[in-house]
Amino acid sequence: MNTRTPGVLLYATIFVLTAIEFLQLSMVAFGAGPIMGEVSITPEDFSLIAAAYASVAILAISMQRWFVTRLGGRLFIQCATAVSLLGAVLCATSHDFASFLIGRLVMAIGGGALFTSARMIIHHVLAGPRRFMGIKSLAYGVALCIAAGPWLAAQAVSNDTWSAIFWLLAILDLVAFVLASITLNNDLRGYEEGRSDWNPWQQVLLVGGSFGLLYALQRFYYDFYGDVLFVAGVLVAALLALIVYAHHQRRHQQPLLHIRSMLHLRYIAGITLFLFAYLMLGANNYVVPVMLQRTLGYSWETVGHFEALGALAAVATFAVVSTLVPRHPAPRKFWITGFLALALFGLLLARLDPAANPWLHILPALACYNIFLLTVLPIAAIQTFRQMENDETLFSNAQQVKNMLAQAGIALGISVATLGQQWRTTVHYNVLNAQVTPDNPVYLATIQHLQDALASDVGPVRAGQIAVASVAQLLAQQSAMLANIDHFMLIAALGVLGVVVTLVQKVFR
C-alpha cells in the first residue's frame, strides 16, 4: 500500500480513515435512542442491527489483506469508501427496520476494514520518524473522534436532524476516497500470491459464529426466561463455529489469517489487554449515557457537551504520551497511570448522587476514563506487534485479528453491561420494594407528605394516586442508580486489578 506523493496528504488520509471508524462508533452509540425513535424500531431491533453490523465488520476485516493483495491498496480503499458512503446514505434516508438494517450492513462491508487499512498504510509506507508521525495521525484521529462524536450526535439530535450523523460519515467517506486516489497506488497487487487463501464456507462460519455469539448474549437480556434452551443452543453453536474456524486457520498451510505464527506470549498478552480495553469502551459507552440521561435526567445536549469536554483529556493525554514514548519507552508507567485513572473513574461515578455537581464530579470522571484509553491503547499497540514487524503478512494478519476482536469486544461490552444493569436493577428494586408496606413509617410519612403538598391543587383522591406513582418512580430511579453504582465499583476494582497485573507481569518490560 505504497504512496504516490507521501506527505501531509498521506497523514490526512490516515486521519480520515481512522475518523470514519471512531466517529460512527461514538455517534451511533450515543444517538441510539433518538435514532430508534426516528426509524420506528425497538431497542431489541437496534441490538439485532448492532450484532449484524459487528459480525459483518469482522468478516470484512478478515478479508482486508486478501483484497488488498488482489486489488491493490488504492483500489481497495476506493471501493471500500464508496461502499461505506452508500451505506451511510442508506442509513440517513432509512425509515424502518429493514432499510436501516441494510444501510448498516452496507456500511460494515465498506467501512469495517478502513481502520485496519489506515494502520497498514503506516506500516507499508512510512519508516523512522515518518512512521511515528503516521501513528500520531492515527492516534489523534481516535482521540479527537472520541471527543467529537458525542457532541456532534448531541447537536444532530437536539436540532431534530438525526440523519446528519450519517450524512457526516458519507462526507468523510468521500474525502477519504479523494485522498486515497491522490496519495496511494496499487503496488501491492499480487504481493503474496500463493501464501494466503480463503474458503467461503470458513468465512460463513466466521460471520455466522460472530453473529450467533452476539445475538445470543443480547437475547439473554430480552427473553432469557422465555426461551432459555434456544438461546443457550445458539450460544454453543456460535462458539463451536468460531473454534472450528480458528482451528482451520491454525492448521491450514495457506490460511487467510496466519494464526499459528501469532501464538506467542507477547501477542497473546497484548491482545488480552486490547480486548479488555475494548470491553471497557463498549460497556461504558452504554452505561455512562444511560446514567446521565435516564437516571439523573440530563438532556441529550448536556450529556453530549460533558462527554466531549471529558474526551478532550484523550487529546491532551496522547500529546503527553507521544512526547514521552521516544525517550522513555518502557510501558509499565503508562499502563499503571491508565489503570489508576480507570479506578478513579469508577470511584468518582460510584459516589455520584442526583444532587452531584456535574462540573466537579462527572467531568473529572470522564477525563480519567479517557486518560485510561489513551495511555493503555497506544502503548499496547507499540508493544504487542514488535516481534512481527519484519513479516508483512503476519503483521497485517495480527492487526486484522486485533481489530476483529475490537469489534467483538465493543459489542460484548455493551451486551455484558446491559445484562449487568438489568440484573442489578432487578435485585435492588426487589430489596427497595420490600420496604414499601403499610407498616413502614418512612413510606407512610413520604406518601402523606406528598398528599399534603398536592391536595390543594388536584384534590385528595388524585393527590393520593400521584403520591403512590411518585414513590414508584423514585424506587425505579433509585434502583437504576444503585445498579449504576455497582457497575462503577466493579470498574474501580478492575482498574486496581490492572495495576497489580501490570506490576507483576514479566512479558512487557
Protein backbone atom coordinates (compact mmCIF):
# COMPACT_ATOMS: atom_id res chain seq x y z
CA MET A 1 0.00 0.00 0.00
CA ASN A 2 2.66 2.47 -1.12
CA THR A 3 2.07 6.11 -1.98
CA ARG A 4 2.46 8.37 -4.94
CA THR A 5 3.08 11.61 -3.04
CA PRO A 6 3.72 10.92 0.64
CA GLY A 7 3.45 13.92 2.93
CA VAL A 8 0.74 15.93 4.60
CA LEU A 9 -1.99 14.42 2.41
CA LEU A 10 -0.92 10.91 3.40
CA TYR A 11 -1.21 11.79 7.08
CA ALA A 12 -4.62 13.29 6.31
CA THR A 13 -5.65 10.02 4.63
CA ILE A 14 -4.67 8.05 7.74
CA PHE A 15 -6.53 10.53 9.95
CA VAL A 16 -9.77 10.45 7.91
CA LEU A 17 -9.83 6.64 7.59
CA THR A 18 -9.49 6.44 11.38
CA ALA A 19 -12.11 9.15 11.90
CA ILE A 20 -14.74 7.24 9.89
CA GLU A 21 -14.48 4.24 12.22
CA PHE A 22 -14.44 6.06 15.54
CA LEU A 23 -16.97 8.73 14.66
CA GLN A 24 -19.51 6.13 13.54
CA LEU A 25 -18.82 4.14 16.70
CA SER A 26 -19.29 7.07 19.09
CA MET A 27 -22.11 8.89 17.24
CA VAL A 28 -24.31 5.84 16.61
CA ALA A 29 -23.87 4.58 20.18
CA PHE A 30 -24.64 7.99 21.68
CA GLY A 31 -27.60 8.69 19.39
CA ALA A 32 -29.11 5.22 19.65
CA GLY A 33 -32.27 6.34 21.46
CA PRO A 34 -33.28 9.14 19.07
CA ILE A 35 -32.33 7.03 16.04
CA MET A 36 -34.65 4.26 17.26
CA GLY A 37 -37.47 6.76 17.65
CA GLU A 38 -36.99 8.31 14.21
CA VAL A 39 -36.68 4.97 12.38
CA SER A 40 -39.50 3.39 14.45
CA ILE A 41 -37.53 0.41 15.74
CA THR A 42 -37.40 -1.13 19.19
CA PRO A 43 -34.31 -1.48 21.39
CA GLU A 44 -34.42 -5.19 20.58
CA ASP A 45 -34.28 -4.43 16.85
CA PHE A 46 -31.46 -1.94 17.34
CA SER A 47 -29.45 -4.56 19.26
CA LEU A 48 -30.02 -7.04 16.44
CA ILE A 49 -28.73 -4.47 13.93
CA ALA A 50 -25.68 -3.80 16.11
CA ALA A 51 -24.88 -7.52 16.24
CA ALA A 52 -25.28 -7.80 12.46
CA TYR A 53 -23.03 -4.77 11.90
CA ALA A 54 -20.28 -6.14 14.15
CA SER A 55 -20.33 -9.61 12.59
CA VAL A 56 -20.17 -8.27 9.01
CA ALA A 57 -17.39 -5.84 10.02
CA ILE A 58 -15.45 -8.80 11.45
CA LEU A 59 -15.86 -10.59 8.11
CA ALA A 60 -14.70 -7.51 6.19
CA ILE A 61 -11.62 -7.09 8.42
CA SER A 62 -10.68 -10.76 7.98
CA MET A 63 -10.66 -10.30 4.20
CA GLN A 64 -8.84 -6.94 4.15
CA ARG A 65 -5.33 -8.15 3.27
CA TRP A 66 -6.61 -10.71 0.75
CA PHE A 67 -8.42 -7.97 -1.15
CA VAL A 68 -5.51 -5.51 -0.90
CA THR A 69 -3.12 -8.04 -2.45
CA ARG A 70 -5.57 -8.72 -5.30
CA LEU A 71 -6.83 -5.19 -5.96
CA GLY A 72 -4.02 -3.01 -4.67
CA GLY A 73 -4.19 -0.56 -1.81
CA ARG A 74 -5.63 2.40 -3.69
CA LEU A 75 -8.38 0.47 -5.47
CA PHE A 76 -9.33 -1.39 -2.29
CA ILE A 77 -9.79 1.82 -0.28
CA GLN A 78 -11.64 3.46 -3.18
CA CYS A 79 -14.07 0.53 -3.30
CA ALA A 80 -14.39 0.34 0.49
CA THR A 81 -15.09 4.06 0.95
CA ALA A 82 -17.57 4.06 -1.95
CA VAL A 83 -19.50 1.16 -0.39
CA SER A 84 -19.31 2.78 3.06
CA LEU A 85 -20.64 6.03 1.58
CA LEU A 86 -23.56 4.16 0.02
CA GLY A 87 -24.33 2.55 3.39
CA ALA A 88 -24.25 5.91 5.17
CA VAL A 89 -26.67 7.39 2.63
CA LEU A 90 -28.99 4.40 3.02
CA CYS A 91 -28.96 4.87 6.81
CA ALA A 92 -29.56 8.64 6.52
CA THR A 93 -32.60 8.06 4.31
CA SER A 94 -33.94 4.97 6.10
CA HIS A 95 -37.42 4.95 7.57
CA ASP A 96 -37.92 1.46 9.04
CA PHE A 97 -36.11 -1.58 10.43
CA ALA A 98 -35.34 -3.19 7.06
CA SER A 99 -33.91 -0.07 5.40
CA PHE A 100 -31.79 0.84 8.43
CA LEU A 101 -30.50 -2.75 8.73
CA ILE A 102 -29.49 -2.81 5.06
CA GLY A 103 -27.74 0.54 5.43
CA ARG A 104 -25.74 -0.61 8.45
CA LEU A 105 -24.76 -3.88 6.75
CA VAL A 106 -23.52 -1.98 3.70
CA MET A 107 -21.59 0.38 5.98
CA ALA A 108 -19.96 -2.62 7.68
CA ILE A 109 -18.95 -4.19 4.35
CA GLY A 110 -17.27 -0.98 3.21
CA GLY A 111 -16.14 0.68 6.41
CA GLY A 112 -15.32 -2.31 8.62
CA ALA A 113 -11.71 -2.59 7.42
CA LEU A 114 -10.85 1.10 6.99
CA PHE A 115 -9.16 1.45 10.38
CA THR A 116 -7.07 -1.66 9.66
CA SER A 117 -6.15 -0.15 6.30
CA ALA A 118 -5.05 3.09 7.99
CA ARG A 119 -2.71 1.14 10.25
CA MET A 120 -1.30 -0.86 7.34
CA ILE A 121 -0.60 2.31 5.32
CA ILE A 122 1.63 3.37 8.21
CA HIS A 123 3.46 0.04 8.25
CA HIS A 124 3.91 -0.34 4.49
CA VAL A 125 4.74 3.23 3.56
CA LEU A 126 6.33 5.06 6.48
CA ALA A 127 9.59 4.42 8.30
CA GLY A 128 11.56 6.08 11.08
CA PRO A 129 10.25 9.46 12.26
CA ARG A 130 7.67 9.49 9.46
CA ARG A 131 6.16 6.25 10.79
CA PHE A 132 5.81 7.82 14.21
CA MET A 133 4.08 10.80 12.58
CA GLY A 134 1.69 8.37 10.90
CA ILE A 135 0.94 6.70 14.23
CA LYS A 136 0.31 10.14 15.75
CA SER A 137 -2.13 10.94 12.93
CA LEU A 138 -3.99 7.71 13.65
CA ALA A 139 -3.99 8.21 17.42
CA TYR A 140 -5.17 11.82 17.17
CA GLY A 141 -7.93 10.58 14.88
CA VAL A 142 -9.02 8.19 17.62
CA ALA A 143 -8.75 10.79 20.39
CA LEU A 144 -10.46 13.66 18.54
CA CYS A 145 -13.31 11.49 17.29
CA ILE A 146 -13.95 10.00 20.72
CA ALA A 147 -14.26 13.62 21.88
CA ALA A 148 -16.24 14.95 18.93
CA GLY A 149 -18.61 12.01 18.39
CA PRO A 150 -20.97 12.53 21.36
CA TRP A 151 -21.03 16.31 20.84
CA LEU A 152 -21.81 16.01 17.12
CA ALA A 153 -24.51 13.41 17.79
CA ALA A 154 -25.99 15.61 20.53
CA GLN A 155 -26.13 18.57 18.13
CA ALA A 156 -27.83 16.48 15.47
CA VAL A 157 -30.36 15.04 17.92
CA SER A 158 -31.07 18.37 19.65
CA ASN A 159 -31.80 20.02 16.31
CA ASP A 160 -34.07 17.17 15.15
CA THR A 161 -31.67 16.22 12.36
CA TRP A 162 -30.59 12.73 13.42
CA SER A 163 -29.74 11.83 9.81
CA ALA A 164 -26.87 14.39 9.94
CA ILE A 165 -24.94 11.69 11.82
CA PHE A 166 -24.84 9.58 8.67
CA TRP A 167 -24.52 12.45 6.20
CA LEU A 168 -21.34 13.49 8.02
CA LEU A 169 -19.97 9.96 7.70
CA ALA A 170 -20.87 9.99 3.99
CA ILE A 171 -18.89 13.23 3.54
CA LEU A 172 -15.88 11.70 5.31
CA ASP A 173 -16.10 8.64 3.05
CA LEU A 174 -15.98 10.96 0.04
CA VAL A 175 -12.98 12.82 1.46
CA ALA A 176 -11.20 9.51 2.13
CA PHE A 177 -11.93 8.35 -1.44
CA VAL A 178 -10.36 11.51 -2.88
CA LEU A 179 -7.34 11.42 -0.55
CA ALA A 180 -6.67 7.74 -1.29
CA SER A 181 -6.89 8.45 -5.01
CA ILE A 182 -4.22 11.15 -4.64
CA THR A 183 -1.82 9.50 -2.18
CA LEU A 184 -1.93 5.73 -2.78
CA ASN A 185 -1.08 3.37 -5.62
CA ASN A 186 -1.60 -0.33 -6.33
CA ASP A 187 1.94 -1.67 -5.93
CA LEU A 188 0.91 -4.46 -3.54
CA ARG A 189 -1.26 -6.24 -6.09
CA GLY A 190 -0.18 -9.90 -6.23
CA TYR A 191 2.32 -9.34 -3.41
CA GLU A 192 1.79 -12.68 -1.63
CA GLU A 193 0.40 -14.91 -4.35
CA GLY A 194 0.18 -18.47 -3.04
CA ARG A 195 0.71 -17.62 0.64
CA SER A 196 -2.87 -16.92 1.72
CA ASP A 197 -6.15 -18.32 0.55
CA TRP A 198 -9.73 -18.33 1.74
CA ASN A 199 -12.57 -20.80 1.88
CA PRO A 200 -16.10 -19.35 1.52
CA TRP A 201 -17.54 -21.91 3.91
CA GLN A 202 -14.97 -20.99 6.53
CA GLN A 203 -15.97 -17.35 6.16
CA VAL A 204 -19.61 -18.35 6.64
CA LEU A 205 -18.54 -19.98 9.90
CA LEU A 206 -16.81 -16.77 10.95
CA VAL A 207 -19.68 -14.40 10.23
CA GLY A 208 -22.30 -16.88 11.48
CA GLY A 209 -20.40 -17.63 14.67
CA SER A 210 -19.78 -13.93 15.37
CA PHE A 211 -23.42 -13.04 14.81
CA GLY A 212 -24.68 -16.03 16.81
CA LEU A 213 -22.47 -15.15 19.79
CA LEU A 214 -23.58 -11.52 19.90
CA TYR A 215 -27.22 -12.37 19.17
CA ALA A 216 -27.36 -14.99 21.95
CA LEU A 217 -25.87 -12.62 24.52
CA GLN A 218 -28.43 -9.96 23.61
CA ARG A 219 -31.30 -12.45 23.77
CA PHE A 220 -30.31 -13.19 27.36
CA TYR A 221 -31.36 -9.61 28.07
CA TYR A 222 -34.63 -9.59 26.15
CA ASP A 223 -36.21 -13.01 26.72
CA PHE A 224 -33.87 -15.25 28.67
CA TYR A 225 -36.69 -16.76 30.69
CA GLY A 226 -38.91 -17.17 27.66
CA ASP A 227 -36.63 -19.37 25.56
CA VAL A 228 -33.52 -20.29 27.52
CA LEU A 229 -32.84 -23.55 25.64
CA PHE A 230 -32.91 -21.82 22.25
CA VAL A 231 -30.61 -19.02 23.42
CA ALA A 232 -28.17 -21.48 25.00
CA GLY A 233 -28.21 -23.60 21.85
CA VAL A 234 -27.37 -20.59 19.66
CA LEU A 235 -24.56 -19.61 22.03
CA VAL A 236 -23.00 -23.09 21.99
CA ALA A 237 -23.32 -23.39 18.21
CA ALA A 238 -21.71 -19.97 17.74
CA LEU A 239 -18.78 -20.82 19.98
CA LEU A 240 -18.26 -24.14 18.16
CA ALA A 241 -18.32 -22.35 14.79
CA LEU A 242 -15.66 -19.86 15.92
CA ILE A 243 -13.50 -22.64 17.41
CA VAL A 244 -13.70 -24.64 14.17
CA TYR A 245 -12.80 -21.51 12.17
CA ALA A 246 -9.77 -20.74 14.36
CA HIS A 247 -8.66 -24.39 14.24
CA HIS A 248 -8.86 -24.41 10.44
CA GLN A 249 -6.85 -21.19 10.20
CA ARG A 250 -4.23 -22.61 12.54
CA ARG A 251 -3.82 -25.92 10.72
CA HIS A 252 -4.15 -24.82 7.09
CA GLN A 253 -0.97 -24.46 5.02
CA GLN A 254 -2.21 -21.29 3.29
CA PRO A 255 -4.69 -19.75 5.74
CA LEU A 256 -6.42 -16.45 5.31
CA LEU A 257 -5.12 -15.50 8.77
CA HIS A 258 -1.79 -16.95 9.91
CA ILE A 259 -2.92 -17.63 13.46
CA ARG A 260 -0.31 -20.28 14.23
CA SER A 261 2.56 -17.78 13.90
CA MET A 262 0.79 -15.31 16.21
CA LEU A 263 0.56 -17.68 19.15
CA HIS A 264 3.40 -16.36 21.24
CA LEU A 265 3.18 -14.86 24.71
CA ARG A 266 3.75 -11.20 23.80
CA TYR A 267 0.98 -11.14 21.21
CA ILE A 268 -1.49 -13.09 23.36
CA ALA A 269 -0.86 -10.83 26.36
CA GLY A 270 -1.18 -7.70 24.20
CA ILE A 271 -4.39 -8.88 22.57
CA THR A 272 -5.83 -9.67 26.01
CA LEU A 273 -5.09 -6.09 27.05
CA PHE A 274 -6.68 -4.74 23.86
CA LEU A 275 -9.77 -6.89 24.40
CA PHE A 276 -10.12 -5.63 27.98
CA ALA A 277 -9.87 -2.01 26.82
CA TYR A 278 -12.48 -2.53 24.10
CA LEU A 279 -14.80 -4.29 26.57
CA MET A 280 -14.47 -1.22 28.80
CA LEU A 281 -15.15 1.02 25.81
CA GLY A 282 -18.35 -0.83 24.89
CA ALA A 283 -19.62 -1.21 28.45
CA ASN A 284 -19.02 2.39 29.49
CA ASN A 285 -20.28 3.81 26.19
CA TYR A 286 -23.57 2.18 27.18
CA VAL A 287 -23.72 2.80 30.94
CA VAL A 288 -22.45 6.40 31.16
CA PRO A 289 -25.11 7.95 28.86
CA VAL A 290 -27.81 5.77 30.43
CA MET A 291 -26.88 7.01 33.90
CA LEU A 292 -26.64 10.67 32.89
CA GLN A 293 -29.80 10.74 30.74
CA ARG A 294 -32.26 8.28 32.26
CA THR A 295 -31.16 8.13 35.89
CA LEU A 296 -30.00 11.71 36.53
CA GLY A 297 -32.23 13.37 33.94
CA TYR A 298 -29.71 15.43 31.97
CA SER A 299 -30.66 16.42 28.42
CA TRP A 300 -29.04 14.89 25.34
CA GLU A 301 -27.26 18.16 24.58
CA THR A 302 -25.87 18.49 28.11
CA VAL A 303 -24.60 14.92 28.14
CA GLY A 304 -23.00 15.42 24.74
CA HIS A 305 -21.20 18.53 25.94
CA PHE A 306 -19.84 16.85 29.05
CA GLU A 307 -18.73 13.71 27.20
CA ALA A 308 -16.97 15.87 24.61
CA LEU A 309 -15.26 18.01 27.26
CA GLY A 310 -14.19 14.91 29.17
CA ALA A 311 -12.89 13.31 26.00
CA LEU A 312 -10.64 16.30 25.31
CA ALA A 313 -8.47 14.73 28.01
CA ALA A 314 -7.79 11.98 25.46
CA VAL A 315 -6.19 14.51 23.12
CA ALA A 316 -4.10 16.04 25.90
CA THR A 317 -3.12 12.59 27.16
CA PHE A 318 -1.85 11.40 23.81
CA ALA A 319 0.07 14.65 23.32
CA VAL A 320 1.94 13.86 26.56
CA VAL A 321 2.33 10.15 25.77
CA SER A 322 3.68 10.80 22.26
CA THR A 323 6.27 13.18 23.75
CA LEU A 324 7.43 10.72 26.42
CA VAL A 325 7.45 7.45 24.47
CA PRO A 326 10.51 8.12 22.25
CA ARG A 327 12.66 8.96 25.29
CA HIS A 328 11.08 6.63 27.87
CA PRO A 329 9.54 3.66 26.00
CA ALA A 330 9.11 1.24 28.95
CA PRO A 331 5.35 0.51 29.13
CA ARG A 332 4.73 -0.10 32.84
CA LYS A 333 4.50 3.54 33.91
CA PHE A 334 1.96 4.30 31.17
CA TRP A 335 -0.24 1.32 31.98
CA ILE A 336 -0.12 1.94 35.72
CA THR A 337 -1.20 5.53 35.05
CA GLY A 338 -4.00 4.29 32.79
CA PHE A 339 -5.35 1.71 35.21
CA LEU A 340 -5.17 4.15 38.13
CA ALA A 341 -7.20 6.57 36.01
CA LEU A 342 -9.73 3.80 35.29
CA ALA A 343 -10.02 3.04 39.02
CA LEU A 344 -10.51 6.74 39.81
CA PHE A 345 -13.14 6.99 37.05
CA GLY A 346 -15.07 4.13 38.66
CA LEU A 347 -14.76 5.54 42.18
CA LEU A 348 -15.89 9.04 41.17
CA LEU A 349 -19.02 7.80 39.42
CA ALA A 350 -19.74 5.20 42.11
CA ARG A 351 -20.03 8.08 44.61
CA LEU A 352 -22.41 10.05 42.41
CA ASP A 353 -25.89 11.06 43.57
CA PRO A 354 -28.72 13.11 41.95
CA ALA A 355 -27.52 16.28 43.67
CA ALA A 356 -23.96 15.99 42.36
CA ASN A 357 -22.34 18.93 40.59
CA PRO A 358 -21.52 17.73 37.04
CA TRP A 359 -18.50 20.05 36.75
CA LEU A 360 -16.95 18.73 39.97
CA HIS A 361 -17.97 15.07 39.85
CA ILE A 362 -18.90 13.94 36.32
CA LEU A 363 -16.42 15.88 34.16
CA PRO A 364 -13.29 14.77 36.11
CA ALA A 365 -14.51 11.15 35.94
CA LEU A 366 -14.95 11.31 32.18
CA ALA A 367 -11.49 12.86 31.85
CA CYS A 368 -10.00 9.95 33.84
CA TYR A 369 -11.74 7.43 31.60
CA ASN A 370 -10.20 8.99 28.51
CA ILE A 371 -6.78 9.09 30.14
CA PHE A 372 -7.15 5.33 30.59
CA LEU A 373 -7.98 4.79 26.91
CA LEU A 374 -5.16 6.95 25.55
CA THR A 375 -2.46 5.53 27.80
CA VAL A 376 -3.37 1.85 27.54
CA LEU A 377 -4.28 1.52 23.84
CA PRO A 378 -1.35 3.34 22.14
CA ILE A 379 1.27 1.68 24.34
CA ALA A 380 -0.35 -1.73 23.80
CA ALA A 381 -0.21 -1.07 20.04
CA ILE A 382 3.52 -0.32 20.25
CA GLN A 383 4.35 -3.35 22.42
CA THR A 384 2.08 -6.10 21.06
CA PHE A 385 3.31 -6.32 17.46
CA ARG A 386 7.04 -5.79 18.00
CA GLN A 387 8.02 -9.39 17.09
CA MET A 388 6.06 -9.32 13.82
CA GLU A 389 7.19 -6.10 12.18
CA ASN A 390 9.56 -7.80 9.73
CA ASP A 391 6.90 -10.07 8.26
CA GLU A 392 4.43 -8.02 6.19
CA THR A 393 1.75 -10.71 6.01
CA LEU A 394 1.97 -11.75 9.65
CA PHE A 395 1.92 -8.13 10.87
CA SER A 396 -1.13 -7.40 8.73
CA ASN A 397 -2.93 -10.55 9.92
CA ALA A 398 -2.12 -9.70 13.53
CA GLN A 399 -3.64 -6.25 13.06
CA GLN A 400 -6.71 -7.81 11.43
CA VAL A 401 -7.23 -10.24 14.32
CA LYS A 402 -6.84 -7.39 16.82
CA ASN A 403 -9.44 -5.27 15.03
CA MET A 404 -11.80 -8.23 14.62
CA LEU A 405 -11.61 -8.71 18.38
CA ALA A 406 -12.17 -4.96 18.82
CA GLN A 407 -15.50 -5.21 17.00
CA ALA A 408 -16.47 -8.23 19.08
CA GLY A 409 -15.14 -6.70 22.31
CA ILE A 410 -17.14 -3.48 21.97
CA ALA A 411 -20.33 -5.40 21.17
CA LEU A 412 -19.69 -7.86 24.01
CA GLY A 413 -19.04 -4.97 26.40
CA ILE A 414 -22.41 -3.45 25.55
CA SER A 415 -24.14 -6.83 25.98
CA VAL A 416 -22.47 -7.61 29.31
CA ALA A 417 -23.20 -4.11 30.63
CA THR A 418 -26.83 -4.39 29.54
CA LEU A 419 -27.23 -7.75 31.26
CA GLY A 420 -25.44 -6.49 34.37
CA GLN A 421 -27.63 -3.40 34.62
CA GLN A 422 -30.79 -5.47 34.21
CA TRP A 423 -29.69 -7.93 36.88
CA ARG A 424 -28.56 -5.38 39.45
CA THR A 425 -31.55 -3.09 38.87
CA THR A 426 -33.90 -6.02 39.49
CA VAL A 427 -32.05 -7.04 42.65
CA HIS A 428 -32.09 -3.51 44.09
CA TYR A 429 -35.71 -2.92 43.08
CA ASN A 430 -36.82 -6.08 44.89
CA VAL A 431 -34.97 -5.01 48.04
CA LEU A 432 -36.36 -1.47 47.95
CA ASN A 433 -39.86 -2.56 47.01
CA ALA A 434 -39.95 -4.87 50.01
CA GLN A 435 -39.80 -1.76 52.19
CA VAL A 436 -42.93 -0.27 50.57
CA THR A 437 -45.50 -1.65 53.02
CA PRO A 438 -48.34 -0.07 55.02
CA ASP A 439 -46.46 -0.77 58.27
CA ASN A 440 -43.31 1.11 57.19
CA PRO A 441 -43.41 4.55 58.87
CA VAL A 442 -40.97 6.07 56.37
CA TYR A 443 -43.14 5.00 53.43
CA LEU A 444 -46.32 6.29 55.12
CA ALA A 445 -44.66 9.59 56.00
CA THR A 446 -43.48 10.05 52.40
CA ILE A 447 -46.93 9.34 50.97
CA GLN A 448 -48.55 11.68 53.49
CA HIS A 449 -46.08 14.46 52.75
CA LEU A 450 -46.73 14.22 49.00
CA GLN A 451 -50.50 14.08 49.51
CA ASP A 452 -50.46 17.17 51.68
CA ALA A 453 -48.37 19.07 49.13
CA LEU A 454 -50.64 18.14 46.19
CA ALA A 455 -54.12 18.01 47.76
CA SER A 456 -54.85 21.70 47.41
CA ASP A 457 -54.15 21.62 43.67
CA VAL A 458 -55.63 18.29 42.49
CA GLY A 459 -57.83 17.10 45.35
CA PRO A 460 -57.21 14.39 47.96
CA VAL A 461 -58.03 11.36 45.76
CA ARG A 462 -55.88 12.44 42.84
CA ALA A 463 -53.15 13.54 45.25
CA GLY A 464 -53.03 10.01 46.71
CA GLN A 465 -52.67 8.48 43.24
CA ILE A 466 -49.92 10.87 42.27
CA ALA A 467 -48.11 10.24 45.56
CA VAL A 468 -48.09 6.46 45.01
CA ALA A 469 -46.93 6.89 41.39
CA SER A 470 -44.18 9.27 42.51
CA VAL A 471 -42.89 6.76 45.05
CA ALA A 472 -42.89 4.03 42.39
CA GLN A 473 -40.93 6.29 40.03
CA LEU A 474 -38.50 7.12 42.82
CA LEU A 475 -37.98 3.40 43.51
CA ALA A 476 -37.19 2.76 39.84
CA GLN A 477 -34.76 5.70 39.75
CA GLN A 478 -33.01 4.62 42.94
CA SER A 479 -32.78 1.01 41.72
CA ALA A 480 -31.19 2.15 38.46
CA MET A 481 -28.83 4.44 40.35
CA LEU A 482 -27.71 1.63 42.65
CA ALA A 483 -27.17 -0.61 39.61
CA ASN A 484 -25.02 2.15 38.08
CA ILE A 485 -23.03 2.35 41.32
CA ASP A 486 -22.44 -1.42 41.24
CA HIS A 487 -21.14 -1.13 37.69
CA PHE A 488 -18.68 1.62 38.53
CA MET A 489 -17.49 -0.10 41.71
CA LEU A 490 -16.66 -3.10 39.54
CA ILE A 491 -14.83 -0.81 37.10
CA ALA A 492 -12.82 0.62 40.01
CA ALA A 493 -11.91 -2.88 41.18
CA LEU A 494 -10.83 -3.85 37.65
CA GLY A 495 -8.66 -0.73 37.50
CA VAL A 496 -6.90 -1.74 40.72
CA LEU A 497 -6.52 -5.29 39.39
CA GLY A 498 -4.99 -3.87 36.22
CA VAL A 499 -2.36 -2.05 38.29
CA VAL A 500 -1.49 -5.27 40.15
CA VAL A 501 -1.23 -7.31 36.95
CA THR A 502 0.95 -4.63 35.33
CA LEU A 503 3.32 -4.70 38.29
CA VAL A 504 3.71 -8.50 38.44
CA GLN A 505 3.73 -9.37 34.70
CA LYS A 506 7.09 -10.10 33.06
CA VAL A 507 6.11 -10.09 29.38
CA PHE A 508 6.42 -6.34 28.80
CA ARG A 509 9.33 -4.55 30.45
